[in-house]
Amino acid sequence: MDADLTSRSESRREDPGAPPAGKKAGRDPKSISISLFFAKPDKAALDALRTAGVDRAIFGLPSEGRDAILPKLDAFAQLIH
């Protein structure tokens, strides 16, 4: 499950101190989408990622049965709404 964080107010990509890898490759830094896998599923962590310019936070799930996974998905849904 992922959280769409595109409503961020600031972006590291707009920061002149950010690494210039995108510019070196000829890309507009604002056009680069940033995703983070295995993000920590809590509001403060997601807010920090949004502020840092992360567009999408992807949560990890263990390989468990339906009864263990569905409550985790419900909790994730509460974070992203």
N, C-alpha and C. Protein backbone atom coordinates (compact mmCIF):
# COMPACT_ATOMS: atom_id res chain seq x y z
N MET A 1 0.85 -1.17 0.00
CA MET A 1 0.00 0.00 0.00
C MET A 1 0.89 1.23 0.00
N ASP A 2 0.48 2.27 -0.72
CA ASP A 2 1.30 3.46 -0.73
C ASP A 2 0.49 4.69 -0.36
N ALA A 3 1.19 5.68 0.13
CA ALA A 3 0.58 6.95 0.49
C ALA A 3 1.03 7.99 -0.52
N ASP A 4 0.10 8.66 -1.17
CA ASP A 4 0.41 9.71 -2.12
C ASP A 4 0.69 10.97 -1.32
N LEU A 5 1.91 11.47 -1.41
CA LEU A 5 2.33 12.63 -0.63
C LEU A 5 2.50 13.86 -1.49
N THR A 6 1.89 13.90 -2.66
CA THR A 6 2.14 14.98 -3.61
C THR A 6 1.62 16.34 -3.17
N SER A 7 0.93 16.42 -2.07
CA SER A 7 0.44 17.71 -1.59
C SER A 7 1.46 18.42 -0.70
N ARG A 8 2.73 18.04 -0.84
CA ARG A 8 3.78 18.63 0.00
C ARG A 8 3.87 20.13 -0.22
N SER A 9 4.33 20.85 0.79
CA SER A 9 4.43 22.30 0.68
C SER A 9 5.81 22.73 0.16
N GLU A 10 6.83 21.99 0.44
CA GLU A 10 8.18 22.30 -0.01
C GLU A 10 8.82 21.05 -0.55
N SER A 11 9.82 21.22 -1.38
CA SER A 11 10.48 20.07 -1.96
C SER A 11 11.98 20.24 -1.93
N ARG A 12 12.70 19.17 -1.59
CA ARG A 12 14.16 19.20 -1.65
C ARG A 12 14.60 19.45 -3.09
N ARG A 13 13.78 19.06 -4.06
CA ARG A 13 14.15 19.27 -5.46
C ARG A 13 14.23 20.74 -5.80
N GLU A 14 13.55 21.59 -5.04
CA GLU A 14 13.60 23.03 -5.27
C GLU A 14 14.73 23.67 -4.48
N ASP A 15 15.36 22.93 -3.61
CA ASP A 15 16.45 23.41 -2.76
C ASP A 15 17.74 23.48 -3.57
N PRO A 16 18.36 24.66 -3.67
CA PRO A 16 19.60 24.74 -4.45
C PRO A 16 20.73 23.89 -3.87
N GLY A 17 20.61 23.46 -2.62
CA GLY A 17 21.63 22.61 -2.00
C GLY A 17 21.41 21.13 -2.26
N ALA A 18 20.31 20.78 -2.94
CA ALA A 18 20.02 19.38 -3.22
C ALA A 18 21.01 18.82 -4.22
N PRO A 19 21.27 17.53 -4.17
CA PRO A 19 22.20 16.92 -5.14
C PRO A 19 21.76 17.19 -6.58
N PRO A 20 22.69 17.56 -7.45
CA PRO A 20 22.36 17.95 -8.82
C PRO A 20 22.28 16.81 -9.82
N ALA A 21 22.05 15.58 -9.38
CA ALA A 21 22.05 14.43 -10.29
C ALA A 21 21.04 14.60 -11.42
N GLY A 22 19.85 15.07 -11.12
CA GLY A 22 18.84 15.27 -12.15
C GLY A 22 19.27 16.32 -13.16
N LYS A 23 19.83 17.42 -12.68
CA LYS A 23 20.29 18.46 -13.59
C LYS A 23 21.42 17.95 -14.49
N LYS A 24 22.32 17.17 -13.91
CA LYS A 24 23.42 16.61 -14.71
C LYS A 24 22.89 15.72 -15.82
N ALA A 25 21.77 15.06 -15.57
CA ALA A 25 21.18 14.18 -16.57
C ALA A 25 20.27 14.94 -17.54
N GLY A 26 20.19 16.27 -17.37
CA GLY A 26 19.38 17.08 -18.25
C GLY A 26 17.91 17.12 -17.90
N ARG A 27 17.56 16.73 -16.68
CA ARG A 27 16.16 16.70 -16.25
C ARG A 27 15.84 17.93 -15.41
N ASP A 28 14.61 18.37 -15.50
CA ASP A 28 14.12 19.41 -14.62
C ASP A 28 13.90 18.75 -13.26
N PRO A 29 14.59 19.20 -12.20
CA PRO A 29 14.44 18.55 -10.89
C PRO A 29 13.00 18.47 -10.40
N LYS A 30 12.15 19.41 -10.80
CA LYS A 30 10.75 19.38 -10.37
C LYS A 30 9.96 18.27 -11.05
N SER A 31 10.50 17.72 -12.13
CA SER A 31 9.79 16.67 -12.86
C SER A 31 10.11 15.27 -12.33
N ILE A 32 11.02 15.17 -11.39
CA ILE A 32 11.45 13.87 -10.87
C ILE A 32 10.55 13.45 -9.73
N SER A 33 9.95 12.27 -9.85
CA SER A 33 9.08 11.72 -8.82
C SER A 33 9.93 10.89 -7.85
N ILE A 34 9.74 11.11 -6.56
CA ILE A 34 10.52 10.41 -5.54
C ILE A 34 9.60 9.50 -4.73
N SER A 35 9.96 8.20 -4.66
CA SER A 35 9.21 7.21 -3.89
C SER A 35 10.13 6.61 -2.84
N LEU A 36 9.57 6.28 -1.69
CA LEU A 36 10.34 5.64 -0.62
C LEU A 36 9.65 4.33 -0.25
N PHE A 37 10.38 3.24 -0.38
CA PHE A 37 9.85 1.93 -0.03
C PHE A 37 10.07 1.64 1.45
N PHE A 38 9.15 0.89 2.05
CA PHE A 38 9.18 0.51 3.46
C PHE A 38 9.21 1.74 4.37
N ALA A 39 8.36 2.71 4.03
CA ALA A 39 8.22 3.90 4.85
C ALA A 39 7.62 3.52 6.20
N LYS A 40 7.98 4.27 7.21
CA LYS A 40 7.43 4.05 8.55
C LYS A 40 5.97 4.51 8.55
N PRO A 41 5.05 3.63 8.90
CA PRO A 41 3.64 3.98 8.82
C PRO A 41 3.13 4.76 10.04
N ASP A 42 3.60 5.99 10.17
CA ASP A 42 3.01 6.86 11.19
C ASP A 42 2.95 8.29 10.65
N LYS A 43 2.03 9.08 11.19
CA LYS A 43 1.74 10.40 10.65
C LYS A 43 2.95 11.32 10.68
N ALA A 44 3.69 11.34 11.77
CA ALA A 44 4.86 12.23 11.85
C ALA A 44 5.90 11.89 10.79
N ALA A 45 6.13 10.60 10.59
CA ALA A 45 7.10 10.17 9.57
C ALA A 45 6.62 10.57 8.17
N LEU A 46 5.34 10.38 7.89
CA LEU A 46 4.81 10.76 6.58
C LEU A 46 4.86 12.26 6.37
N ASP A 47 4.58 13.03 7.41
CA ASP A 47 4.69 14.49 7.30
C ASP A 47 6.12 14.91 7.01
N ALA A 48 7.09 14.27 7.67
CA ALA A 48 8.50 14.58 7.43
C ALA A 48 8.91 14.22 6.00
N LEU A 49 8.42 13.09 5.50
CA LEU A 49 8.73 12.70 4.12
C LEU A 49 8.13 13.69 3.13
N ARG A 50 6.91 14.12 3.40
CA ARG A 50 6.25 15.10 2.52
C ARG A 50 7.07 16.38 2.48
N THR A 51 7.49 16.86 3.63
CA THR A 51 8.29 18.08 3.70
C THR A 51 9.62 17.92 2.97
N ALA A 52 10.18 16.73 3.02
CA ALA A 52 11.47 16.46 2.36
C ALA A 52 11.33 16.30 0.85
N GLY A 53 10.09 16.27 0.33
CA GLY A 53 9.89 16.19 -1.10
C GLY A 53 9.56 14.82 -1.63
N VAL A 54 9.28 13.87 -0.76
CA VAL A 54 8.91 12.53 -1.21
C VAL A 54 7.47 12.56 -1.73
N ASP A 55 7.27 12.01 -2.93
CA ASP A 55 5.94 12.00 -3.56
C ASP A 55 5.10 10.81 -3.13
N ARG A 56 5.74 9.66 -2.89
CA ARG A 56 4.99 8.44 -2.58
C ARG A 56 5.74 7.65 -1.52
N ALA A 57 5.03 7.27 -0.47
CA ALA A 57 5.58 6.41 0.58
C ALA A 57 4.90 5.05 0.47
N ILE A 58 5.70 4.00 0.34
CA ILE A 58 5.17 2.65 0.16
C ILE A 58 5.44 1.85 1.43
N PHE A 59 4.38 1.33 2.03
CA PHE A 59 4.50 0.57 3.27
C PHE A 59 4.77 -0.90 2.97
N GLY A 60 5.51 -1.54 3.84
CA GLY A 60 5.74 -2.97 3.70
C GLY A 60 4.72 -3.77 4.50
N LEU A 61 4.47 -4.97 4.04
CA LEU A 61 3.57 -5.88 4.73
C LEU A 61 4.25 -7.24 4.85
N PRO A 62 4.10 -7.89 6.00
CA PRO A 62 4.67 -9.24 6.14
C PRO A 62 3.85 -10.26 5.36
N SER A 63 4.44 -11.39 5.10
CA SER A 63 3.73 -12.50 4.43
C SER A 63 2.94 -13.26 5.48
N GLU A 64 1.74 -12.78 5.74
CA GLU A 64 0.86 -13.40 6.73
C GLU A 64 -0.52 -13.57 6.11
N GLY A 65 -1.35 -14.24 6.82
CA GLY A 65 -2.71 -14.47 6.34
C GLY A 65 -3.60 -13.25 6.40
N ARG A 66 -4.76 -13.41 5.82
CA ARG A 66 -5.76 -12.36 5.73
C ARG A 66 -6.09 -11.73 7.08
N ASP A 67 -6.26 -12.55 8.11
CA ASP A 67 -6.65 -12.04 9.43
C ASP A 67 -5.59 -11.12 10.03
N ALA A 68 -4.34 -11.33 9.68
CA ALA A 68 -3.27 -10.48 10.20
C ALA A 68 -3.07 -9.24 9.33
N ILE A 69 -3.29 -9.36 8.04
CA ILE A 69 -3.00 -8.27 7.10
C ILE A 69 -4.11 -7.23 7.03
N LEU A 70 -5.36 -7.64 7.02
CA LEU A 70 -6.46 -6.68 6.87
C LEU A 70 -6.46 -5.58 7.93
N PRO A 71 -6.22 -5.87 9.21
CA PRO A 71 -6.17 -4.78 10.19
C PRO A 71 -5.02 -3.81 9.92
N LYS A 72 -3.90 -4.33 9.40
CA LYS A 72 -2.77 -3.44 9.07
C LYS A 72 -3.15 -2.52 7.91
N LEU A 73 -3.83 -3.07 6.90
CA LEU A 73 -4.28 -2.25 5.78
C LEU A 73 -5.27 -1.19 6.24
N ASP A 74 -6.15 -1.55 7.17
CA ASP A 74 -7.10 -0.57 7.71
C ASP A 74 -6.37 0.56 8.42
N ALA A 75 -5.32 0.21 9.18
CA ALA A 75 -4.53 1.24 9.88
C ALA A 75 -3.81 2.13 8.89
N PHE A 76 -3.26 1.55 7.83
CA PHE A 76 -2.59 2.36 6.79
C PHE A 76 -3.58 3.32 6.14
N ALA A 77 -4.78 2.83 5.88
CA ALA A 77 -5.80 3.66 5.24
C ALA A 77 -6.12 4.88 6.10
N GLN A 78 -6.14 4.72 7.40
CA GLN A 78 -6.42 5.85 8.29
C GLN A 78 -5.31 6.90 8.20
N LEU A 79 -4.09 6.48 7.95
CA LEU A 79 -2.96 7.42 7.85
C LEU A 79 -3.02 8.28 6.59
N ILE A 80 -3.53 7.70 5.51
CA ILE A 80 -3.45 8.41 4.24
C ILE A 80 -4.74 9.15 3.89
N HIS A 81 -5.73 9.11 4.75
CA HIS A 81 -6.96 9.86 4.49
C HIS A 81 -7.08 11.03 5.40
